[in-house]
């Protein structure tokens, strides 16, 4: 247990005994608070850990110039991977797991501070995930809401939420959290409301309050998040397939010959462009995408699908 505690003591901020107790419980070490406090006192006497006792609960962290807890075998490539993983997984992993990994992330950053790792550190400034749409800033989301939600999702616990829809209407409900997705700048929770057997997607920034009840539920065997996405449910889908046939000029359509809409897509090259045929799931997102081509699009089938 001492090793697990050392891994979780941060460098840039302080952590308290109750916080460590919670993190250790999440990985299977269920100890009373007094035991944690006694162990912390032992660790501060043998390692370069400082204790802030100006107020209770006391805070603990590695001293500024200490080496901290070294991770044997952690090389430059692994350090880069860990720091990139921290950036991209922060909103996709439950808060308790991210906090439990803090010691590893800190050690990876420390490894990259080494002058010999200069090129590895610079790698993060040489790679980028680029959006295919207009970049938008993410809506503000309450940290405590995400913490409760992600932990309930991880443990399969019922979640109590207070949700405000786009029209300003408030709803207080108990939901079964089933999946989490990032759609552009937004985070979405896929869930079932208590008493219903269909799934809904809730925008996390519209959840004003959330409480993990600690009450377990049995995950529905008929739900699959991958299938939910494939059916276009994140794009306001009806779930029904639709056969599309459309023409686009060469410049507007060439990217679809390289990145098709679906595995079943076919196309023929004409004198002035391309004609595509594909079966996809019908959704409002599909309509928005088609309308984005403007007058370049010649929708052959189904006629009138876009209301024109």
C-alpha atoms as a PDB file:
ATOM      1  CA  UNK A   1       0.000   0.000   0.000  1.00  0.00           C
ATOM      2  CA  UNK A   2       2.896   2.373   0.712  1.00  0.00           C
ATOM      3  CA  UNK A   3       3.991   2.166  -2.927  1.00  0.00           C
ATOM      4  CA  UNK A   4       0.473   2.994  -4.126  1.00  0.00           C
ATOM      5  CA  UNK A   5       0.395   6.003  -1.783  1.00  0.00           C
ATOM      6  CA  UNK A   6       3.743   7.255  -3.066  1.00  0.00           C
ATOM      7  CA  UNK A   7       2.477   7.002  -6.650  1.00  0.00           C
ATOM      8  CA  UNK A   8      -0.465   9.244  -5.791  1.00  0.00           C
ATOM      9  CA  UNK A   9       1.347  12.015  -3.940  1.00  0.00           C
ATOM     10  CA  UNK A  10       1.539  14.918  -6.423  1.00  0.00           C
ATOM     11  CA  UNK A  11       4.289  17.440  -7.041  1.00  0.00           C
ATOM     12  CA  UNK A  12       2.524  20.659  -8.066  1.00  0.00           C
ATOM     13  CA  UNK A  13      -0.365  20.550  -5.580  1.00  0.00           C
ATOM     14  CA  UNK A  14      -1.196  19.019  -2.215  1.00  0.00           C
ATOM     15  CA  UNK A  15      -3.286  15.956  -1.492  1.00  0.00           C
ATOM     16  CA  UNK A  16      -5.003  15.179   1.811  1.00  0.00           C
ATOM     17  CA  UNK A  17      -5.344  11.907   3.702  1.00  0.00           C
ATOM     18  CA  UNK A  18      -9.105  11.649   2.908  1.00  0.00           C
ATOM     19  CA  UNK A  19      -8.360  12.113  -0.816  1.00  0.00           C
ATOM     20  CA  UNK A  20      -5.715   9.383  -0.692  1.00  0.00           C
ATOM     21  CA  UNK A  21      -8.117   7.138   1.211  1.00  0.00           C
ATOM     22  CA  UNK A  22     -10.706   7.529  -1.568  1.00  0.00           C
ATOM     23  CA  UNK A  23      -8.183   6.851  -4.340  1.00  0.00           C
ATOM     24  CA  UNK A  24      -6.838   3.767  -2.594  1.00  0.00           C
ATOM     25  CA  UNK A  25     -10.347   2.455  -2.018  1.00  0.00           C
ATOM     26  CA  UNK A  26     -10.986   2.744  -5.762  1.00  0.00           C
ATOM     27  CA  UNK A  27      -8.141   0.300  -6.454  1.00  0.00           C
ATOM     28  CA  UNK A  28      -9.059  -2.162  -3.713  1.00  0.00           C
ATOM     29  CA  UNK A  29      -7.206  -0.860  -0.605  1.00  0.00           C
ATOM     30  CA  UNK A  30      -9.976  -0.146   1.887  1.00  0.00           C
ATOM     31  CA  UNK A  31      -8.239   1.357   4.947  1.00  0.00           C
ATOM     32  CA  UNK A  32      -9.535   3.587   7.745  1.00  0.00           C
ATOM     33  CA  UNK A  33      -8.434   7.215   7.789  1.00  0.00           C
ATOM     34  CA  UNK A  34      -6.211   6.826  10.839  1.00  0.00           C
ATOM     35  CA  UNK A  35      -4.196   4.091   9.109  1.00  0.00           C
ATOM     36  CA  UNK A  36      -3.670   6.363   6.094  1.00  0.00           C
ATOM     37  CA  UNK A  37      -2.565   9.222   8.345  1.00  0.00           C
ATOM     38  CA  UNK A  38      -0.063   7.035  10.222  1.00  0.00           C
ATOM     39  CA  UNK A  39       1.379   5.745   6.949  1.00  0.00           C
ATOM     40  CA  UNK A  40       1.760   9.307   5.651  1.00  0.00           C
ATOM     41  CA  UNK A  41       3.742  10.244   8.737  1.00  0.00           C
ATOM     42  CA  UNK A  42       6.119   7.334   8.094  1.00  0.00           C
ATOM     43  CA  UNK A  43       6.521   8.308   4.437  1.00  0.00           C
ATOM     44  CA  UNK A  44       7.304  11.956   5.250  1.00  0.00           C
ATOM     45  CA  UNK A  45      10.148  10.746   7.498  1.00  0.00           C
ATOM     46  CA  UNK A  46      11.726   8.561   4.819  1.00  0.00           C
ATOM     47  CA  UNK A  47      11.033  10.424   1.550  1.00  0.00           C
ATOM     48  CA  UNK A  48      11.259  14.012   0.339  1.00  0.00           C
ATOM     49  CA  UNK A  49       7.614  14.719   1.085  1.00  0.00           C
ATOM     50  CA  UNK A  50       6.462  17.891   2.808  1.00  0.00           C
ATOM     51  CA  UNK A  51       3.404  18.269   5.004  1.00  0.00           C
ATOM     52  CA  UNK A  52       1.346  21.452   5.148  1.00  0.00           C
ATOM     53  CA  UNK A  53      -0.124  21.471   8.657  1.00  0.00           C
ATOM     54  CA  UNK A  54      -1.420  25.054   8.671  1.00  0.00           C
ATOM     55  CA  UNK A  55      -4.985  23.765   8.452  1.00  0.00           C
ATOM     56  CA  UNK A  56      -6.821  20.455   8.520  1.00  0.00           C
ATOM     57  CA  UNK A  57      -6.910  18.166   6.676  1.00  0.00           C
ATOM     58  CA  UNK A  58      -3.129  18.343   6.208  1.00  0.00           C
ATOM     59  CA  UNK A  59      -1.790  18.478   2.670  1.00  0.00           C
ATOM     60  CA  UNK A  60       1.085  16.377   1.325  1.00  0.00           C
ATOM     61  CA  UNK A  61       3.253  16.758  -1.769  1.00  0.00           C
ATOM     62  CA  UNK A  62       6.743  16.011  -3.055  1.00  0.00           C
ATOM     63  CA  UNK A  63       9.264  18.740  -2.278  1.00  0.00           C
ATOM     64  CA  UNK A  64      10.013  21.048  -5.189  1.00  0.00           C
ATOM     65  CA  UNK A  65      13.490  19.755  -6.053  1.00  0.00           C
ATOM     66  CA  UNK A  66      12.926  16.128  -5.107  1.00  0.00           C
ATOM     67  CA  UNK A  67      13.065  13.363  -7.693  1.00  0.00           C
ATOM     68  CA  UNK A  68       9.801  11.921  -6.458  1.00  0.00           C
ATOM     69  CA  UNK A  69       8.999   8.292  -7.046  1.00  0.00           C
ATOM     70  CA  UNK A  70      10.926   7.030 -10.048  1.00  0.00           C
ATOM     71  CA  UNK A  71       9.211   4.623 -12.404  1.00  0.00           C
ATOM     72  CA  UNK A  72      11.720   1.949 -13.434  1.00  0.00           C
ATOM     73  CA  UNK A  73      12.126   1.617 -17.204  1.00  0.00           C
ATOM     74  CA  UNK A  74      10.101   4.714 -18.110  1.00  0.00           C
ATOM     75  CA  UNK A  75      11.804   5.912 -21.294  1.00  0.00           C
ATOM     76  CA  UNK A  76      11.295   8.978 -23.498  1.00  0.00           C
ATOM     77  CA  UNK A  77       8.769   7.322 -25.814  1.00  0.00           C
ATOM     78  CA  UNK A  78       6.672   6.063 -22.904  1.00  0.00           C
ATOM     79  CA  UNK A  79       6.796   9.496 -21.277  1.00  0.00           C
ATOM     80  CA  UNK A  80       5.526  11.163 -24.459  1.00  0.00           C
ATOM     81  CA  UNK A  81       2.763   8.564 -24.731  1.00  0.00           C
ATOM     82  CA  UNK A  82       1.662   9.156 -21.128  1.00  0.00           C
ATOM     83  CA  UNK A  83       1.575  12.948 -21.449  1.00  0.00           C
ATOM     84  CA  UNK A  84      -0.406  12.773 -24.701  1.00  0.00           C
ATOM     85  CA  UNK A  85      -2.741  10.198 -23.148  1.00  0.00           C
ATOM     86  CA  UNK A  86      -3.400  12.526 -20.211  1.00  0.00           C
ATOM     87  CA  UNK A  87      -4.474  15.329 -22.574  1.00  0.00           C
ATOM     88  CA  UNK A  88      -6.804  13.174 -24.671  1.00  0.00           C
ATOM     89  CA  UNK A  89      -8.253  10.947 -21.948  1.00  0.00           C
ATOM     90  CA  UNK A  90      -9.001  13.587 -19.319  1.00  0.00           C
ATOM     91  CA  UNK A  91     -12.658  13.792 -20.375  1.00  0.00           C
ATOM     92  CA  UNK A  92     -13.027  10.127 -21.310  1.00  0.00           C
ATOM     93  CA  UNK A  93     -12.001   8.419 -18.076  1.00  0.00           C
ATOM     94  CA  UNK A  94     -13.692   8.592 -14.677  1.00  0.00           C
ATOM     95  CA  UNK A  95     -12.242  11.215 -12.377  1.00  0.00           C
ATOM     96  CA  UNK A  96     -11.127   8.665  -9.791  1.00  0.00           C
ATOM     97  CA  UNK A  97      -9.042   6.772 -12.392  1.00  0.00           C
ATOM     98  CA  UNK A  98      -7.417   9.956 -13.681  1.00  0.00           C
ATOM     99  CA  UNK A  99      -6.503  10.982 -10.144  1.00  0.00           C
ATOM    100  CA  UNK A 100      -5.123   7.538  -9.409  1.00  0.00           C
ATOM    101  CA  UNK A 101      -2.817   7.914 -12.440  1.00  0.00           C
ATOM    102  CA  UNK A 102      -1.556  11.335 -11.387  1.00  0.00           C
ATOM    103  CA  UNK A 103       1.705   9.949 -10.027  1.00  0.00           C
ATOM    104  CA  UNK A 104       2.505   8.307 -13.374  1.00  0.00           C
ATOM    105  CA  UNK A 105       1.670  11.466 -15.324  1.00  0.00           C
ATOM    106  CA  UNK A 106       3.863  13.536 -12.992  1.00  0.00           C
ATOM    107  CA  UNK A 107       6.785  11.165 -13.450  1.00  0.00           C
ATOM    108  CA  UNK A 108       6.372  11.242 -17.234  1.00  0.00           C
ATOM    109  CA  UNK A 109       6.500  15.049 -17.203  1.00  0.00           C
ATOM    110  CA  UNK A 110       9.530  14.950 -14.923  1.00  0.00           C
ATOM    111  CA  UNK A 111      11.279  12.537 -17.306  1.00  0.00           C
ATOM    112  CA  UNK A 112      10.693  14.934 -20.193  1.00  0.00           C
ATOM    113  CA  UNK A 113      12.225  17.820 -18.230  1.00  0.00           C
ATOM    114  CA  UNK A 114      15.574  16.082 -18.570  1.00  0.00           C
ATOM    115  CA  UNK A 115      17.785  17.933 -21.059  1.00  0.00           C
ATOM    116  CA  UNK A 116      18.444  14.633 -22.842  1.00  0.00           C
ATOM    117  CA  UNK A 117      14.716  14.341 -23.549  1.00  0.00           C
ATOM    118  CA  UNK A 118      14.417  17.708 -25.288  1.00  0.00           C
ATOM    119  CA  UNK A 119      13.349  16.224 -28.651  1.00  0.00           C
ATOM    120  CA  UNK A 120      10.811  13.939 -27.008  1.00  0.00           C
ATOM    121  CA  UNK A 121       9.303  16.859 -25.087  1.00  0.00           C
ATOM    122  CA  UNK A 122       9.057  18.935 -28.284  1.00  0.00           C
ATOM    123  CA  UNK A 123       7.087  16.128 -29.963  1.00  0.00           C
ATOM    124  CA  UNK A 124       3.917  17.370 -28.289  1.00  0.00           C
ATOM    125  CA  UNK A 125       4.327  20.652 -30.168  1.00  0.00           C
ATOM    126  CA  UNK A 126       4.816  18.853 -33.476  1.00  0.00           C
ATOM    127  CA  UNK A 127       1.575  16.851 -33.616  1.00  0.00           C
ATOM    128  CA  UNK A 128      -2.051  17.962 -33.651  1.00  0.00           C
ATOM    129  CA  UNK A 129      -5.552  16.531 -34.056  1.00  0.00           C
ATOM    130  CA  UNK A 130      -7.274  18.806 -36.590  1.00  0.00           C
ATOM    131  CA  UNK A 131     -11.038  19.247 -36.743  1.00  0.00           C
ATOM    132  CA  UNK A 132     -12.802  18.783 -40.094  1.00  0.00           C
ATOM    133  CA  UNK A 133     -15.384  21.437 -39.160  1.00  0.00           C
ATOM    134  CA  UNK A 134     -15.272  25.002 -37.907  1.00  0.00           C
ATOM    135  CA  UNK A 135     -13.478  24.982 -34.567  1.00  0.00           C
ATOM    136  CA  UNK A 136     -15.670  25.845 -31.580  1.00  0.00           C
ATOM    137  CA  UNK A 137     -14.711  26.344 -27.957  1.00  0.00           C
ATOM    138  CA  UNK A 138     -16.128  23.635 -25.670  1.00  0.00           C
ATOM    139  CA  UNK A 139     -19.132  24.677 -23.554  1.00  0.00           C
ATOM    140  CA  UNK A 140     -18.398  25.116 -19.861  1.00  0.00           C
ATOM    141  CA  UNK A 141     -19.007  21.988 -17.810  1.00  0.00           C
ATOM    142  CA  UNK A 142     -19.095  21.667 -14.026  1.00  0.00           C
ATOM    143  CA  UNK A 143     -16.175  19.632 -12.716  1.00  0.00           C
ATOM    144  CA  UNK A 144     -18.218  18.107  -9.907  1.00  0.00           C
ATOM    145  CA  UNK A 145     -20.876  17.015 -12.406  1.00  0.00           C
ATOM    146  CA  UNK A 146     -18.328  15.189 -14.548  1.00  0.00           C
ATOM    147  CA  UNK A 147     -16.775  13.608 -11.475  1.00  0.00           C
ATOM    148  CA  UNK A 148     -20.101  12.197 -10.232  1.00  0.00           C
ATOM    149  CA  UNK A 149     -21.186  11.161 -13.723  1.00  0.00           C
ATOM    150  CA  UNK A 150     -17.966   9.398 -14.723  1.00  0.00           C
ATOM    151  CA  UNK A 151     -17.737   7.537 -11.429  1.00  0.00           C
ATOM    152  CA  UNK A 152     -21.373   6.367 -11.694  1.00  0.00           C
ATOM    153  CA  UNK A 153     -20.796   5.286 -15.289  1.00  0.00           C
ATOM    154  CA  UNK A 154     -17.680   3.365 -14.287  1.00  0.00           C
ATOM    155  CA  UNK A 155     -19.388   1.564 -11.406  1.00  0.00           C
ATOM    156  CA  UNK A 156     -22.828   1.059 -13.074  1.00  0.00           C
ATOM    157  CA  UNK A 157     -24.617   3.168 -10.457  1.00  0.00           C
ATOM    158  CA  UNK A 158     -27.894   5.041 -10.833  1.00  0.00           C
ATOM    159  CA  UNK A 159     -27.305   8.749 -11.306  1.00  0.00           C
ATOM    160  CA  UNK A 160     -29.564  11.578 -10.171  1.00  0.00           C
ATOM    161  CA  UNK A 161     -29.368  14.599 -12.479  1.00  0.00           C
ATOM    162  CA  UNK A 162     -30.864  18.041 -12.787  1.00  0.00           C
ATOM    163  CA  UNK A 163     -30.953  18.856 -16.510  1.00  0.00           C
ATOM    164  CA  UNK A 164     -31.757  22.089 -18.325  1.00  0.00           C
ATOM    165  CA  UNK A 165     -32.719  21.688 -21.991  1.00  0.00           C
ATOM    166  CA  UNK A 166     -32.040  24.160 -24.808  1.00  0.00           C
ATOM    167  CA  UNK A 167     -35.352  25.872 -24.140  1.00  0.00           C
ATOM    168  CA  UNK A 168     -34.555  26.441 -20.463  1.00  0.00           C
ATOM    169  CA  UNK A 169     -36.858  23.720 -19.097  1.00  0.00           C
ATOM    170  CA  UNK A 170     -35.592  21.975 -15.951  1.00  0.00           C
ATOM    171  CA  UNK A 171     -35.933  18.260 -15.281  1.00  0.00           C
ATOM    172  CA  UNK A 172     -34.853  16.271 -12.223  1.00  0.00           C
ATOM    173  CA  UNK A 173     -34.531  12.576 -12.985  1.00  0.00           C
ATOM    174  CA  UNK A 174     -32.808   9.339 -12.080  1.00  0.00           C
ATOM    175  CA  UNK A 175     -30.935   7.891 -15.053  1.00  0.00           C
ATOM    176  CA  UNK A 176     -28.946   4.795 -15.912  1.00  0.00           C
ATOM    177  CA  UNK A 177     -25.596   6.025 -17.383  1.00  0.00           C
ATOM    178  CA  UNK A 178     -24.614   3.770 -20.288  1.00  0.00           C
ATOM    179  CA  UNK A 179     -21.994   5.587 -22.332  1.00  0.00           C
ATOM    180  CA  UNK A 180     -19.941   8.737 -22.755  1.00  0.00           C
ATOM    181  CA  UNK A 181     -19.029  10.318 -26.086  1.00  0.00           C
ATOM    182  CA  UNK A 182     -17.192  13.381 -27.290  1.00  0.00           C
ATOM    183  CA  UNK A 183     -18.815  15.004 -30.321  1.00  0.00           C
ATOM    184  CA  UNK A 184     -16.658  17.895 -31.469  1.00  0.00           C
ATOM    185  CA  UNK A 185     -16.416  20.252 -28.486  1.00  0.00           C
ATOM    186  CA  UNK A 186     -19.402  18.678 -26.669  1.00  0.00           C
ATOM    187  CA  UNK A 187     -19.530  15.772 -24.247  1.00  0.00           C
ATOM    188  CA  UNK A 188     -22.650  13.580 -24.362  1.00  0.00           C
ATOM    189  CA  UNK A 189     -24.038  11.098 -21.855  1.00  0.00           C
ATOM    190  CA  UNK A 190     -26.027   8.184 -23.263  1.00  0.00           C
ATOM    191  CA  UNK A 191     -28.521   7.025 -20.655  1.00  0.00           C
ATOM    192  CA  UNK A 192     -31.905   5.485 -19.918  1.00  0.00           C
ATOM    193  CA  UNK A 193     -34.347   7.358 -17.747  1.00  0.00           C
ATOM    194  CA  UNK A 194     -35.818   5.433 -14.842  1.00  0.00           C
ATOM    195  CA  UNK A 195     -38.970   3.647 -16.026  1.00  0.00           C
ATOM    196  CA  UNK A 196     -38.112   3.753 -19.755  1.00  0.00           C
ATOM    197  CA  UNK A 197     -36.392   1.272 -22.076  1.00  0.00           C
ATOM    198  CA  UNK A 198     -35.002   3.611 -24.747  1.00  0.00           C
ATOM    199  CA  UNK A 199     -31.755   5.603 -24.786  1.00  0.00           C
ATOM    200  CA  UNK A 200     -31.322   9.378 -24.771  1.00  0.00           C
ATOM    201  CA  UNK A 201     -28.270  11.576 -25.213  1.00  0.00           C
ATOM    202  CA  UNK A 202     -27.781  14.416 -22.718  1.00  0.00           C
ATOM    203  CA  UNK A 203     -25.270  17.238 -23.207  1.00  0.00           C
ATOM    204  CA  UNK A 204     -23.031  17.330 -20.152  1.00  0.00           C
ATOM    205  CA  UNK A 205     -22.842  21.125 -20.041  1.00  0.00           C
ATOM    206  CA  UNK A 206     -26.619  21.221 -19.578  1.00  0.00           C
ATOM    207  CA  UNK A 207     -26.476  18.969 -16.516  1.00  0.00           C
ATOM    208  CA  UNK A 208     -26.501  21.471 -13.662  1.00  0.00           C
ATOM    209  CA  UNK A 209     -26.172  18.932 -10.846  1.00  0.00           C
ATOM    210  CA  UNK A 210     -25.400  15.217 -10.604  1.00  0.00           C
ATOM    211  CA  UNK A 211     -25.284  12.754  -7.731  1.00  0.00           C
ATOM    212  CA  UNK A 212     -23.923   9.215  -7.786  1.00  0.00           C
ATOM    213  CA  UNK A 213     -26.501   7.324  -5.708  1.00  0.00           C
ATOM    214  CA  UNK A 214     -24.219   4.350  -5.145  1.00  0.00           C
ATOM    215  CA  UNK A 215     -27.156   2.103  -6.083  1.00  0.00           C
ATOM    216  CA  UNK A 216     -26.113  -0.481  -8.695  1.00  0.00           C
ATOM    217  CA  UNK A 217     -28.096  -1.363 -11.811  1.00  0.00           C
ATOM    218  CA  UNK A 218     -27.844  -4.265 -14.235  1.00  0.00           C
ATOM    219  CA  UNK A 219     -26.471  -3.034 -17.548  1.00  0.00           C
ATOM    220  CA  UNK A 220     -29.011  -3.687 -20.376  1.00  0.00           C
ATOM    221  CA  UNK A 221     -27.707  -6.598 -22.487  1.00  0.00           C
ATOM    222  CA  UNK A 222     -29.316  -5.128 -25.630  1.00  0.00           C
ATOM    223  CA  UNK A 223     -27.351  -1.856 -25.470  1.00  0.00           C
ATOM    224  CA  UNK A 224     -24.135  -1.405 -27.439  1.00  0.00           C
ATOM    225  CA  UNK A 225     -22.467   2.004 -27.662  1.00  0.00           C
ATOM    226  CA  UNK A 226     -20.709   1.208 -30.943  1.00  0.00           C
ATOM    227  CA  UNK A 227     -24.005   0.216 -32.540  1.00  0.00           C
ATOM    228  CA  UNK A 228     -25.680   3.291 -31.061  1.00  0.00           C
ATOM    229  CA  UNK A 229     -23.123   5.465 -32.881  1.00  0.00           C
ATOM    230  CA  UNK A 230     -23.305   3.415 -36.107  1.00  0.00           C
ATOM    231  CA  UNK A 231     -27.061   3.938 -36.198  1.00  0.00           C
ATOM    232  CA  UNK A 232     -26.459   7.692 -36.220  1.00  0.00           C
ATOM    233  CA  UNK A 233     -28.088   8.254 -32.857  1.00  0.00           C
ATOM    234  CA  UNK A 234     -25.655  11.045 -31.983  1.00  0.00           C
ATOM    235  CA  UNK A 235     -26.819  12.873 -35.096  1.00  0.00           C
ATOM    236  CA  UNK A 236     -30.555  12.993 -34.244  1.00  0.00           C
ATOM    237  CA  UNK A 237     -31.174   9.816 -36.226  1.00  0.00           C
ATOM    238  CA  UNK A 238     -34.364   7.936 -36.979  1.00  0.00           C
ATOM    239  CA  UNK A 239     -32.285   4.754 -37.106  1.00  0.00           C
ATOM    240  CA  UNK A 240     -33.645   3.929 -40.574  1.00  0.00           C
ATOM    241  CA  UNK A 241     -31.390   3.209 -43.576  1.00  0.00           C
ATOM    242  CA  UNK A 242     -31.598   5.489 -46.595  1.00  0.00           C
ATOM    243  CA  UNK A 243     -30.295   4.934 -50.140  1.00  0.00           C
ATOM    244  CA  UNK A 244     -28.549   8.012 -51.519  1.00  0.00           C
ATOM    245  CA  UNK A 245     -27.534   8.725 -55.090  1.00  0.00           C
ATOM    246  CA  UNK A 246     -25.969  12.117 -55.737  1.00  0.00           C
ATOM    247  CA  UNK A 247     -23.530  13.959 -57.979  1.00  0.00           C
ATOM    248  CA  UNK A 248     -20.749  16.363 -57.022  1.00  0.00           C
ATOM    249  CA  UNK A 249     -18.183  18.303 -59.080  1.00  0.00           C
ATOM    250  CA  UNK A 250     -14.626  16.941 -59.093  1.00  0.00           C
ATOM    251  CA  UNK A 251     -13.229  19.436 -56.588  1.00  0.00           C
ATOM    252  CA  UNK A 252     -16.112  19.047 -54.102  1.00  0.00           C
ATOM    253  CA  UNK A 253     -16.350  15.257 -54.352  1.00  0.00           C
ATOM    254  CA  UNK A 254     -12.787  13.985 -54.634  1.00  0.00           C
ATOM    255  CA  UNK A 255     -12.423  13.584 -50.855  1.00  0.00           C
ATOM    256  CA  UNK A 256     -15.331  11.091 -50.846  1.00  0.00           C
ATOM    257  CA  UNK A 257     -13.423   8.830 -53.228  1.00  0.00           C
ATOM    258  CA  UNK A 258     -10.707   8.628 -50.538  1.00  0.00           C
ATOM    259  CA  UNK A 259     -12.879   8.750 -47.381  1.00  0.00           C
ATOM    260  CA  UNK A 260     -16.210   7.084 -48.241  1.00  0.00           C
ATOM    261  CA  UNK A 261     -19.435   7.556 -46.304  1.00  0.00           C
ATOM    262  CA  UNK A 262     -19.736   3.788 -45.766  1.00  0.00           C
ATOM    263  CA  UNK A 263     -18.203   0.473 -46.820  1.00  0.00           C
ATOM    264  CA  UNK A 264     -20.989  -0.053 -49.367  1.00  0.00           C
ATOM    265  CA  UNK A 265     -20.340   3.233 -51.209  1.00  0.00           C
ATOM    266  CA  UNK A 266     -19.694   3.069 -54.955  1.00  0.00           C
ATOM    267  CA  UNK A 267     -18.942   5.843 -57.414  1.00  0.00           C
ATOM    268  CA  UNK A 268     -18.383   6.479 -61.069  1.00  0.00           C
ATOM    269  CA  UNK A 269     -16.315   9.260 -62.580  1.00  0.00           C
ATOM    270  CA  UNK A 270     -18.119  11.476 -65.081  1.00  0.00           C
ATOM    271  CA  UNK A 271     -16.839  14.192 -67.349  1.00  0.00           C
ATOM    272  CA  UNK A 272     -17.533  16.968 -64.860  1.00  0.00           C
ATOM    273  CA  UNK A 273     -17.515  15.156 -61.503  1.00  0.00           C
ATOM    274  CA  UNK A 274     -18.523  12.029 -59.593  1.00  0.00           C
ATOM    275  CA  UNK A 275     -21.772  10.147 -59.040  1.00  0.00           C
ATOM    276  CA  UNK A 276     -22.033   8.371 -55.683  1.00  0.00           C
ATOM    277  CA  UNK A 277     -24.379   5.636 -54.458  1.00  0.00           C
ATOM    278  CA  UNK A 278     -24.435   4.628 -50.783  1.00  0.00           C
ATOM    279  CA  UNK A 279     -26.723   3.322 -48.045  1.00  0.00           C
ATOM    280  CA  UNK A 280     -26.388   5.156 -44.726  1.00  0.00           C
ATOM    281  CA  UNK A 281     -28.466   5.800 -41.598  1.00  0.00           C
ATOM    282  CA  UNK A 282     -30.934   8.657 -41.919  1.00  0.00           C
ATOM    283  CA  UNK A 283     -30.325  11.570 -39.532  1.00  0.00           C
ATOM    284  CA  UNK A 284     -30.555  15.325 -39.217  1.00  0.00           C
ATOM    285  CA  UNK A 285     -26.765  15.397 -39.209  1.00  0.00           C
ATOM    286  CA  UNK A 286     -26.798  13.750 -42.640  1.00  0.00           C
ATOM    287  CA  UNK A 287     -29.132  16.461 -43.935  1.00  0.00           C
ATOM    288  CA  UNK A 288     -26.887  19.199 -42.521  1.00  0.00           C
ATOM    289  CA  UNK A 289     -23.886  17.573 -44.192  1.00  0.00           C
ATOM    290  CA  UNK A 290     -25.605  17.329 -47.584  1.00  0.00           C
ATOM    291  CA  UNK A 291     -26.867  20.905 -47.405  1.00  0.00           C
ATOM    292  CA  UNK A 292     -23.288  22.015 -46.785  1.00  0.00           C
ATOM    293  CA  UNK A 293     -22.469  21.344 -50.456  1.00  0.00           C
ATOM    294  CA  UNK A 294     -24.969  24.007 -51.524  1.00  0.00           C
ATOM    295  CA  UNK A 295     -25.544  24.238 -55.256  1.00  0.00           C
ATOM    296  CA  UNK A 296     -22.693  21.806 -55.940  1.00  0.00           C
ATOM    297  CA  UNK A 297     -24.965  18.946 -54.843  1.00  0.00           C
ATOM    298  CA  UNK A 298     -27.271  17.216 -57.323  1.00  0.00           C
ATOM    299  CA  UNK A 299     -29.364  14.843 -55.195  1.00  0.00           C
ATOM    300  CA  UNK A 300     -30.772  12.220 -57.556  1.00  0.00           C
ATOM    301  CA  UNK A 301     -32.322   9.919 -54.958  1.00  0.00           C
ATOM    302  CA  UNK A 302     -34.411  10.389 -52.942  1.00  0.00           C
ATOM    303  CA  UNK A 303     -35.785  13.482 -54.639  1.00  0.00           C
ATOM    304  CA  UNK A 304     -37.100  16.097 -52.228  1.00  0.00           C
ATOM    305  CA  UNK A 305     -35.199  14.617 -49.275  1.00  0.00           C
ATOM    306  CA  UNK A 306     -33.802  18.020 -48.344  1.00  0.00           C
ATOM    307  CA  UNK A 307     -37.136  19.748 -48.825  1.00  0.00           C
ATOM    308  CA  UNK A 308     -36.174  21.415 -52.057  1.00  0.00           C
END
